Amino acid sequence: PADYPLIKPDTLKKLVEAYQTTRSKIIYPRYASAKGHPPILSIELMEEILHFQQPGGLRKILERYQSESEYLEVSDRFILMDMDTIKDYERMVNANIEDQQFAKDE
């Protein structure tokens, strides 16, 4: 996802694997019990998403299928870090530097 650029490839792999082993229409990643991005969506939702023209956009559709959703706990805090502004960008740069420093110290 373009506005979540620091999500680890392993996180995406785990989401896809979880989706492939479940019948849920949506799989959300979760870090420290907080729902993050990107959700993995079933192909069954494609037509509805493409033709939805009501207020609320994709969020409204996702709310409809909440009971058919599952959560996958991941160890990737970057699923919670959206980048839409310069301030978000600066926060992500600092978080990434911290993450790299932590990995070196291990």
C-alpha atoms as a PDB file:
ATOM      1  CA  PRO A   1       0.000   0.000   0.000  1.00  0.00           C
ATOM      2  CA  ALA A   2       1.383   3.352  -1.052  1.00  0.00           C
ATOM      3  CA  ASP A   3       0.458   5.251   2.104  1.00  0.00           C
ATOM      4  CA  TYR A   4       1.804   2.483   4.381  1.00  0.00           C
ATOM      5  CA  PRO A   5       5.277   2.151   2.846  1.00  0.00           C
ATOM      6  CA  LEU A   6       7.116   0.559   5.764  1.00  0.00           C
ATOM      7  CA  ILE A   7       4.975  -2.557   6.117  1.00  0.00           C
ATOM      8  CA  LYS A   8       7.281  -5.545   6.163  1.00  0.00           C
ATOM      9  CA  PRO A   9       7.034  -8.036   3.274  1.00  0.00           C
ATOM     10  CA  ASP A  10       6.693 -10.856   5.801  1.00  0.00           C
ATOM     11  CA  THR A  11       3.552  -9.199   7.177  1.00  0.00           C
ATOM     12  CA  LEU A  12       1.969  -9.196   3.735  1.00  0.00           C
ATOM     13  CA  LYS A  13       2.959 -12.824   3.228  1.00  0.00           C
ATOM     14  CA  LYS A  14       1.361 -13.826   6.534  1.00  0.00           C
ATOM     15  CA  LEU A  15      -1.840 -11.966   5.645  1.00  0.00           C
ATOM     16  CA  VAL A  16      -2.094 -13.765   2.315  1.00  0.00           C
ATOM     17  CA  GLU A  17      -1.422 -17.121   3.982  1.00  0.00           C
ATOM     18  CA  ALA A  18      -4.116 -16.422   6.591  1.00  0.00           C
ATOM     19  CA  TYR A  19      -6.576 -15.470   3.869  1.00  0.00           C
ATOM     20  CA  GLN A  20      -5.860 -18.664   1.948  1.00  0.00           C
ATOM     21  CA  THR A  21      -6.642 -20.815   4.987  1.00  0.00           C
ATOM     22  CA  THR A  22      -9.927 -19.172   5.981  1.00  0.00           C
ATOM     23  CA  ARG A  23     -13.331 -18.529   4.480  1.00  0.00           C
ATOM     24  CA  SER A  24     -13.468 -14.991   5.858  1.00  0.00           C
ATOM     25  CA  LYS A  25     -14.200 -12.190   3.437  1.00  0.00           C
ATOM     26  CA  ILE A  26     -11.733  -9.836   5.109  1.00  0.00           C
ATOM     27  CA  ILE A  27      -8.495 -10.386   7.032  1.00  0.00           C
ATOM     28  CA  TYR A  28      -7.189  -7.404   8.998  1.00  0.00           C
ATOM     29  CA  PRO A  29      -3.695  -7.200  10.437  1.00  0.00           C
ATOM     30  CA  ARG A  30      -3.557  -6.235  14.097  1.00  0.00           C
ATOM     31  CA  TYR A  31      -0.645  -4.928  16.144  1.00  0.00           C
ATOM     32  CA  ALA A  32      -0.953  -4.640  19.927  1.00  0.00           C
ATOM     33  CA  SER A  33      -4.716  -5.220  19.502  1.00  0.00           C
ATOM     34  CA  ALA A  34      -5.070  -2.241  17.114  1.00  0.00           C
ATOM     35  CA  LYS A  35      -6.519  -2.868  13.644  1.00  0.00           C
ATOM     36  CA  GLY A  36      -4.197  -1.834  10.844  1.00  0.00           C
ATOM     37  CA  HIS A  37      -3.711  -1.916   7.100  1.00  0.00           C
ATOM     38  CA  PRO A  38      -3.892  -3.373   4.562  1.00  0.00           C
ATOM     39  CA  PRO A  39      -6.932  -5.585   4.897  1.00  0.00           C
ATOM     40  CA  ILE A  40      -6.982  -8.552   2.536  1.00  0.00           C
ATOM     41  CA  LEU A  41     -10.333  -8.664   0.731  1.00  0.00           C
ATOM     42  CA  SER A  42     -12.114 -11.588  -0.870  1.00  0.00           C
ATOM     43  CA  ILE A  43     -12.670 -11.496  -4.613  1.00  0.00           C
ATOM     44  CA  GLU A  44     -16.342 -11.966  -3.693  1.00  0.00           C
ATOM     45  CA  LEU A  45     -16.420  -8.278  -2.714  1.00  0.00           C
ATOM     46  CA  MET A  46     -14.985  -6.957  -5.979  1.00  0.00           C
ATOM     47  CA  GLU A  47     -18.238  -6.232  -7.824  1.00  0.00           C
ATOM     48  CA  GLU A  48     -19.760  -4.538  -4.810  1.00  0.00           C
ATOM     49  CA  ILE A  49     -16.652  -2.402  -4.313  1.00  0.00           C
ATOM     50  CA  LEU A  50     -16.430  -1.404  -7.979  1.00  0.00           C
ATOM     51  CA  HIS A  51     -20.095  -0.381  -8.163  1.00  0.00           C
ATOM     52  CA  PHE A  52     -20.529   1.182  -4.724  1.00  0.00           C
ATOM     53  CA  GLN A  53     -21.551   4.837  -5.089  1.00  0.00           C
ATOM     54  CA  GLN A  54     -22.842   5.769  -1.678  1.00  0.00           C
ATOM     55  CA  PRO A  55     -21.215   7.967   0.950  1.00  0.00           C
ATOM     56  CA  GLY A  56     -18.574   6.255   3.052  1.00  0.00           C
ATOM     57  CA  GLY A  57     -16.773   4.437   0.247  1.00  0.00           C
ATOM     58  CA  LEU A  58     -14.818   1.294   1.010  1.00  0.00           C
ATOM     59  CA  ARG A  59     -15.087   1.854   4.759  1.00  0.00           C
ATOM     60  CA  LYS A  60     -18.873   1.454   4.540  1.00  0.00           C
ATOM     61  CA  ILE A  61     -18.519  -1.856   2.689  1.00  0.00           C
ATOM     62  CA  LEU A  62     -15.968  -3.140   5.191  1.00  0.00           C
ATOM     63  CA  GLU A  63     -18.341  -2.299   8.046  1.00  0.00           C
ATOM     64  CA  ARG A  64     -21.052  -4.430   6.406  1.00  0.00           C
ATOM     65  CA  TYR A  65     -18.813  -7.479   6.492  1.00  0.00           C
ATOM     66  CA  GLN A  66     -17.464  -7.038  10.012  1.00  0.00           C
ATOM     67  CA  SER A  67     -19.055 -10.320  11.129  1.00  0.00           C
ATOM     68  CA  GLU A  68     -17.262 -12.113   8.268  1.00  0.00           C
ATOM     69  CA  SER A  69     -13.865 -10.647   9.137  1.00  0.00           C
ATOM     70  CA  GLU A  70     -10.903 -12.063  11.020  1.00  0.00           C
ATOM     71  CA  TYR A  71      -7.851 -10.515  12.617  1.00  0.00           C
ATOM     72  CA  LEU A  72      -4.256 -11.648  12.354  1.00  0.00           C
ATOM     73  CA  GLU A  73      -1.938 -10.455  15.113  1.00  0.00           C
ATOM     74  CA  VAL A  74       1.375  -9.362  13.588  1.00  0.00           C
ATOM     75  CA  SER A  75       4.624  -7.999  15.023  1.00  0.00           C
ATOM     76  CA  ASP A  76       4.775  -5.109  12.553  1.00  0.00           C
ATOM     77  CA  ARG A  77       3.955  -1.734  14.074  1.00  0.00           C
ATOM     78  CA  PHE A  78       4.108  -0.144  10.639  1.00  0.00           C
ATOM     79  CA  ILE A  79       0.616  -1.469   9.809  1.00  0.00           C
ATOM     80  CA  LEU A  80      -0.593   1.417  11.972  1.00  0.00           C
ATOM     81  CA  MET A  81       1.503   4.165  10.362  1.00  0.00           C
ATOM     82  CA  ASP A  82      -0.370   5.945   7.604  1.00  0.00           C
ATOM     83  CA  MET A  83       1.544   8.503   5.547  1.00  0.00           C
ATOM     84  CA  ASP A  84      -0.611  11.290   4.149  1.00  0.00           C
ATOM     85  CA  THR A  85       1.252  14.419   5.241  1.00  0.00           C
ATOM     86  CA  ILE A  86       4.796  15.757   5.570  1.00  0.00           C
ATOM     87  CA  LYS A  87       4.490  15.303   9.338  1.00  0.00           C
ATOM     88  CA  ASP A  88       3.532  11.638   8.800  1.00  0.00           C
ATOM     89  CA  TYR A  89       6.561  11.240   6.523  1.00  0.00           C
ATOM     90  CA  GLU A  90       8.907  12.687   9.152  1.00  0.00           C
ATOM     91  CA  ARG A  91       7.408  10.430  11.831  1.00  0.00           C
ATOM     92  CA  MET A  92       7.944   7.386   9.593  1.00  0.00           C
ATOM     93  CA  VAL A  93      11.529   8.292   8.806  1.00  0.00           C
ATOM     94  CA  ASN A  94      12.271   8.552  12.521  1.00  0.00           C
ATOM     95  CA  ALA A  95      10.426   5.305  13.276  1.00  0.00           C
ATOM     96  CA  ASN A  96      12.323   3.484  10.544  1.00  0.00           C
ATOM     97  CA  ILE A  97      15.672   4.771  11.845  1.00  0.00           C
ATOM     98  CA  GLU A  98      14.713   3.585  15.353  1.00  0.00           C
ATOM     99  CA  ASP A  99      13.677   0.199  13.957  1.00  0.00           C
ATOM    100  CA  GLN A 100      16.964  -0.221  12.091  1.00  0.00           C
ATOM    101  CA  GLN A 101      18.961   0.804  15.180  1.00  0.00           C
ATOM    102  CA  PHE A 102      17.044  -1.700  17.315  1.00  0.00           C
ATOM    103  CA  ALA A 103      17.789  -4.475  14.797  1.00  0.00           C
ATOM    104  CA  LYS A 104      21.530  -3.636  14.922  1.00  0.00           C
ATOM    105  CA  ASP A 105      21.524  -3.751  18.732  1.00  0.00           C
ATOM    106  CA  GLU A 106      20.017  -7.264  18.865  1.00  0.00           C
END
